[in-house]
């Protein structure tokens, strides 16, 4: 790293380890050494993103649409294979561009442009817990307003976010719809994870885990099942967002929608029968 602080070497060692684990497993007989570190990182993020997307999507679809058929989702509400295939194709096209963001995030961390630290013991567990709470609160606030802006600013909705909102009925929503965005839309909604690194001390490995957890989380909130786990912004709330557009912009929780007057509870709709 050109004689930088010693802890920067820990970041590079960690990202190099991830590259070897993922790419070495997928391409065991292919040498990646001639390729720049940043290119290896981008490729690893693409491979990892696809693996998580397909594993979580197929596993969850198999569980709710076949194994537990008619238990969680009525037979007449199961999306068609054609709909899910179209969602997969949109995601496949967008994933390489999505992965530019986590790759750049790792680059700026490795070059000491952020407030990241490599080990929890560098700050202690109480500080680590405080940082994570602050990080998640920041993410929740920023994604809420980014998502709401993608609806309220008409050109952004028309040219970016509308591509995701073609899935506007329960029967068109599936776990595979979670990443079926225009690439720039997906990047804009994930970019608070990058901004947080410049403002909030963040454990590097935790940041990576949370960023890739987004893939699992978006699959979960598009499955149409209302889990009733208050105050989690589950699929029941997010389905309302897809069918009514102007409610439930939140990410992990309902708090931002509650604070800014855009919360619509699925139980209220059931009680009114509408």
Protein backbone atom coordinates (compact mmCIF):
# COMPACT_ATOMS: atom_id res chain seq x y z
CA UNK A 1 0.00 0.00 0.00
CA UNK A 2 2.93 2.33 -0.55
CA UNK A 3 4.03 2.74 3.04
CA UNK A 4 0.63 3.64 4.49
CA UNK A 5 -0.46 2.95 8.06
CA UNK A 6 0.04 -0.70 9.07
CA UNK A 7 -3.70 -1.32 9.59
CA UNK A 8 -4.32 -0.72 5.89
CA UNK A 9 -2.47 -3.93 5.18
CA UNK A 10 -5.10 -5.73 7.24
CA UNK A 11 -7.84 -4.46 4.90
CA UNK A 12 -5.92 -5.61 1.82
CA UNK A 13 -5.18 -8.98 3.39
CA UNK A 14 -8.85 -9.43 4.22
CA UNK A 15 -10.15 -8.53 0.76
CA UNK A 16 -7.43 -10.67 -0.85
CA UNK A 17 -8.52 -13.57 1.36
CA UNK A 18 -12.13 -13.16 0.22
CA UNK A 19 -10.96 -13.07 -3.40
CA UNK A 20 -8.99 -16.28 -2.99
CA UNK A 21 -11.82 -18.09 -1.22
CA UNK A 22 -14.55 -17.17 -3.72
CA UNK A 23 -12.63 -17.05 -6.98
CA UNK A 24 -10.29 -19.90 -6.11
CA UNK A 25 -13.30 -22.13 -5.48
CA UNK A 26 -15.11 -21.13 -8.67
CA UNK A 27 -12.00 -21.06 -10.90
CA UNK A 28 -9.64 -23.59 -9.25
CA UNK A 29 -7.41 -24.08 -12.29
CA UNK A 30 -7.26 -20.46 -13.40
CA UNK A 31 -4.61 -18.05 -12.15
CA UNK A 32 -6.00 -14.66 -11.17
CA UNK A 33 -2.61 -13.25 -10.14
CA UNK A 34 -2.05 -11.28 -13.39
CA UNK A 35 -5.30 -9.38 -12.84
CA UNK A 36 -5.33 -6.16 -10.75
CA UNK A 37 -6.59 -6.48 -7.21
CA UNK A 38 -9.56 -4.19 -7.88
CA UNK A 39 -10.66 -6.31 -10.85
CA UNK A 40 -10.43 -9.46 -8.74
CA UNK A 41 -12.53 -7.73 -6.08
CA UNK A 42 -15.20 -6.72 -8.60
CA UNK A 43 -15.33 -10.26 -10.02
CA UNK A 44 -15.58 -11.73 -6.52
CA UNK A 45 -18.44 -9.36 -5.68
CA UNK A 46 -20.25 -10.38 -8.89
CA UNK A 47 -19.81 -14.08 -8.20
CA UNK A 48 -20.79 -13.67 -4.56
CA UNK A 49 -23.80 -11.52 -5.45
CA UNK A 50 -25.08 -14.04 -7.98
CA UNK A 51 -24.54 -16.97 -5.61
CA UNK A 52 -26.46 -15.31 -2.78
CA UNK A 53 -29.21 -14.09 -5.12
CA UNK A 54 -29.83 -17.46 -6.74
CA UNK A 55 -29.36 -19.52 -3.59
CA UNK A 56 -31.73 -17.41 -1.48
CA UNK A 57 -34.20 -16.92 -4.33
CA UNK A 58 -34.50 -20.56 -5.39
CA UNK A 59 -34.49 -21.84 -1.81
CA UNK A 60 -37.19 -19.42 -0.71
CA UNK A 61 -39.34 -19.97 -3.83
CA UNK A 62 -39.11 -23.73 -3.41
CA UNK A 63 -40.11 -23.44 0.25
CA UNK A 64 -43.10 -21.12 -0.11
CA UNK A 65 -44.37 -22.02 -3.60
CA UNK A 66 -43.87 -25.81 -3.62
CA UNK A 67 -42.99 -27.33 -0.25
CA UNK A 68 -45.45 -25.12 1.68
CA UNK A 69 -47.82 -24.58 -1.25
CA UNK A 70 -51.06 -22.89 -0.14
CA UNK A 71 -49.71 -22.45 3.39
CA UNK A 72 -48.10 -19.01 3.10
CA UNK A 73 -49.18 -17.97 -0.39
CA UNK A 74 -52.50 -19.07 -1.97
CA UNK A 75 -52.18 -21.05 -5.17
CA UNK A 76 -53.77 -18.27 -7.23
CA UNK A 77 -51.20 -15.74 -5.89
CA UNK A 78 -48.08 -17.64 -6.91
CA UNK A 79 -46.22 -15.72 -9.64
CA UNK A 80 -45.73 -17.49 -12.94
CA UNK A 81 -42.40 -19.00 -13.91
CA UNK A 82 -42.32 -16.52 -16.80
CA UNK A 83 -42.59 -13.56 -14.38
CA UNK A 84 -39.79 -14.90 -12.21
CA UNK A 85 -37.59 -15.59 -15.23
CA UNK A 86 -38.02 -12.00 -16.41
CA UNK A 87 -37.03 -10.75 -12.95
CA UNK A 88 -33.95 -12.97 -13.03
CA UNK A 89 -32.94 -11.66 -16.46
CA UNK A 90 -33.23 -8.04 -15.28
CA UNK A 91 -31.04 -8.86 -12.28
CA UNK A 92 -28.44 -10.70 -14.37
CA UNK A 93 -28.05 -7.63 -16.59
CA UNK A 94 -27.79 -5.28 -13.61
CA UNK A 95 -25.57 -7.28 -11.24
CA UNK A 96 -22.20 -6.40 -12.87
CA UNK A 97 -23.02 -2.71 -12.43
CA UNK A 98 -24.40 -3.16 -8.92
CA UNK A 99 -21.04 -4.65 -7.94
CA UNK A 100 -19.16 -1.49 -8.89
CA UNK A 101 -20.41 0.06 -5.63
CA UNK A 102 -19.05 -2.51 -3.12
CA UNK A 103 -15.85 -2.72 -5.16
CA UNK A 104 -15.35 1.03 -4.92
CA UNK A 105 -16.23 0.90 -1.22
CA UNK A 106 -13.44 -1.62 -0.63
CA UNK A 107 -11.05 0.49 -2.71
CA UNK A 108 -11.60 3.62 -0.61
CA UNK A 109 -11.27 1.60 2.60
CA UNK A 110 -7.97 0.10 1.43
CA UNK A 111 -6.67 3.60 0.63
CA UNK A 112 -7.56 5.08 4.03
CA UNK A 113 -10.25 7.46 2.80
CA UNK A 114 -12.86 6.26 5.30
CA UNK A 115 -13.39 5.80 9.03
CA UNK A 116 -13.32 1.99 8.80
CA UNK A 117 -11.34 -0.08 11.26
CA UNK A 118 -10.24 -3.69 10.71
CA UNK A 119 -10.77 -5.27 14.14
CA UNK A 120 -13.46 -4.93 16.79
CA UNK A 121 -10.75 -4.90 19.47
CA UNK A 122 -9.41 -1.68 17.93
CA UNK A 123 -12.36 0.15 19.51
CA UNK A 124 -13.90 -2.34 21.97
CA UNK A 125 -17.30 -4.01 21.98
CA UNK A 126 -19.36 -1.12 23.49
CA UNK A 127 -18.05 1.29 20.83
CA UNK A 128 -18.58 -1.32 18.13
CA UNK A 129 -22.23 -1.76 19.17
CA UNK A 130 -22.74 2.01 19.18
CA UNK A 131 -21.18 2.30 15.71
CA UNK A 132 -23.44 -0.43 14.31
CA UNK A 133 -26.57 1.20 15.71
CA UNK A 134 -25.47 4.55 14.28
CA UNK A 135 -24.62 2.95 10.93
CA UNK A 136 -27.99 1.20 10.66
CA UNK A 137 -29.89 4.35 11.67
CA UNK A 138 -28.03 6.36 9.04
CA UNK A 139 -28.73 3.68 6.41
CA UNK A 140 -32.41 3.56 7.34
CA UNK A 141 -32.79 7.35 7.13
CA UNK A 142 -30.92 7.73 3.84
CA UNK A 143 -32.51 4.79 2.04
CA UNK A 144 -35.96 6.01 3.08
CA UNK A 145 -35.37 9.42 1.52
CA UNK A 146 -33.55 8.01 -1.50
CA UNK A 147 -36.44 5.63 -2.14
CA UNK A 148 -39.02 8.33 -1.57
CA UNK A 149 -37.13 10.68 -3.91
CA UNK A 150 -37.20 8.00 -6.62
CA UNK A 151 -40.98 8.20 -6.38
CA UNK A 152 -41.46 11.93 -5.84
CA UNK A 153 -39.04 13.19 -8.52
CA UNK A 154 -40.88 12.32 -11.70
CA UNK A 155 -37.90 11.87 -14.07
CA UNK A 156 -36.22 9.54 -11.57
CA UNK A 157 -39.37 7.48 -11.31
CA UNK A 158 -40.06 7.43 -15.04
CA UNK A 159 -36.55 6.53 -16.19
CA UNK A 160 -35.27 4.52 -13.22
CA UNK A 161 -37.65 3.29 -10.55
CA UNK A 162 -40.62 2.46 -12.77
CA UNK A 163 -38.66 -0.54 -14.06
CA UNK A 164 -39.04 -2.12 -10.62
CA UNK A 165 -42.67 -1.09 -10.18
CA UNK A 166 -43.93 -3.09 -13.10
CA UNK A 167 -44.24 -5.69 -10.34
CA UNK A 168 -47.25 -3.93 -8.86
CA UNK A 169 -49.50 -6.85 -7.96
CA UNK A 170 -49.10 -9.64 -5.44
CA UNK A 171 -49.07 -12.21 -8.22
CA UNK A 172 -46.11 -10.50 -9.93
CA UNK A 173 -43.99 -10.23 -6.79
CA UNK A 174 -41.46 -12.93 -5.94
CA UNK A 175 -38.13 -13.18 -4.11
CA UNK A 176 -36.42 -12.78 -7.48
CA UNK A 177 -37.96 -9.30 -7.87
CA UNK A 178 -35.81 -8.02 -5.00
CA UNK A 179 -32.91 -6.98 -7.25
CA UNK A 180 -34.84 -6.45 -10.48
CA UNK A 181 -33.99 -2.75 -10.82
CA UNK A 182 -32.53 -0.41 -13.35
CA UNK A 183 -28.81 -0.61 -12.43
CA UNK A 184 -28.61 3.04 -11.43
CA UNK A 185 -31.71 2.67 -9.27
CA UNK A 186 -30.12 -0.22 -7.39
CA UNK A 187 -26.89 1.72 -6.91
CA UNK A 188 -28.69 4.82 -5.65
CA UNK A 189 -30.59 2.82 -3.04
CA UNK A 190 -27.42 1.09 -1.86
CA UNK A 191 -25.10 4.11 -1.94
CA UNK A 192 -25.86 5.12 1.69
CA UNK A 193 -23.73 2.10 2.67
CA UNK A 194 -20.80 3.82 0.97
CA UNK A 195 -21.53 7.29 2.37
CA UNK A 196 -21.69 5.86 5.89
CA UNK A 197 -18.06 4.75 5.70
CA UNK A 198 -16.90 8.37 5.36
CA UNK A 199 -18.94 9.57 8.34
CA UNK A 200 -19.26 6.74 10.85
CA UNK A 201 -16.51 4.52 12.30
CA UNK A 202 -17.42 1.11 10.91
CA UNK A 203 -16.00 -2.37 11.33
CA UNK A 204 -15.00 -3.36 7.79
CA UNK A 205 -16.14 -6.98 7.87
CA UNK A 206 -19.49 -5.99 9.36
CA UNK A 207 -19.97 -3.49 6.52
CA UNK A 208 -19.37 -6.23 3.94
CA UNK A 209 -21.77 -8.62 5.68
CA UNK A 210 -24.49 -5.97 5.88
CA UNK A 211 -24.03 -4.97 2.25
CA UNK A 212 -24.44 -8.52 1.02
CA UNK A 213 -27.27 -9.13 3.48
CA UNK A 214 -29.18 -6.64 1.32
CA UNK A 215 -29.46 -9.39 -1.31
CA UNK A 216 -31.18 -11.71 1.17
CA UNK A 217 -33.30 -8.95 2.66
CA UNK A 218 -34.68 -7.74 -0.67
CA UNK A 219 -35.64 -11.32 -1.54
CA UNK A 220 -37.49 -11.59 1.78
CA UNK A 221 -39.53 -8.39 1.45
CA UNK A 222 -40.78 -9.36 -2.01
CA UNK A 223 -42.19 -12.74 -1.05
CA UNK A 224 -45.65 -11.37 -0.18
CA UNK A 225 -45.76 -12.94 3.30
CA UNK A 226 -46.69 -10.64 6.17
CA UNK A 227 -44.60 -11.90 9.09
CA UNK A 228 -46.04 -9.50 11.70
CA UNK A 229 -42.63 -8.93 13.31
CA UNK A 230 -43.06 -5.35 14.54
CA UNK A 231 -41.24 -3.01 13.90
CA UNK A 232 -39.66 -4.86 10.96
CA UNK A 233 -40.52 -3.55 7.49
CA UNK A 234 -41.46 -6.99 6.20
CA UNK A 235 -43.07 -8.16 2.98
CA UNK A 236 -46.56 -7.24 4.17
CA UNK A 237 -45.58 -3.58 4.30
CA UNK A 238 -43.51 -3.71 1.14
CA UNK A 239 -46.31 -5.37 -0.84
CA UNK A 240 -48.47 -2.36 0.02
CA UNK A 241 -45.67 -0.17 -1.30
CA UNK A 242 -45.84 -1.98 -4.64
CA UNK A 243 -49.63 -1.92 -4.89
CA UNK A 244 -50.24 1.61 -3.57
CA UNK A 245 -46.93 3.35 -4.39
CA UNK A 246 -47.07 6.18 -1.83
CA UNK A 247 -46.56 4.24 1.40
CA UNK A 248 -43.92 2.20 3.21
CA UNK A 249 -40.66 3.46 1.70
CA UNK A 250 -38.63 2.15 4.62
CA UNK A 251 -35.91 -0.45 4.49
CA UNK A 252 -35.42 -2.58 7.60
CA UNK A 253 -37.98 -0.97 9.88
CA UNK A 254 -41.19 1.06 9.87
CA UNK A 255 -39.71 3.91 11.94
CA UNK A 256 -38.97 6.37 9.12
CA UNK A 257 -42.40 5.90 7.57
CA UNK A 258 -43.96 6.40 10.99
CA UNK A 259 -41.92 9.56 11.62
CA UNK A 260 -42.60 11.09 8.19
CA UNK A 261 -46.26 10.11 7.78
CA UNK A 262 -46.06 7.45 5.06
CA UNK A 263 -46.76 4.30 7.07
CA UNK A 264 -49.67 2.06 6.10
CA UNK A 265 -50.09 -1.06 8.21
CA UNK A 266 -51.30 -4.25 6.49
CA UNK A 267 -53.50 -4.96 9.51
CA UNK A 268 -55.35 -1.67 8.96
CA UNK A 269 -56.11 -2.66 5.38
CA UNK A 270 -57.34 -6.08 6.50
CA UNK A 271 -59.54 -4.48 9.14
CA UNK A 272 -61.08 -2.14 6.55
CA UNK A 273 -61.37 -4.93 4.00
CA UNK A 274 -59.79 -2.85 1.24
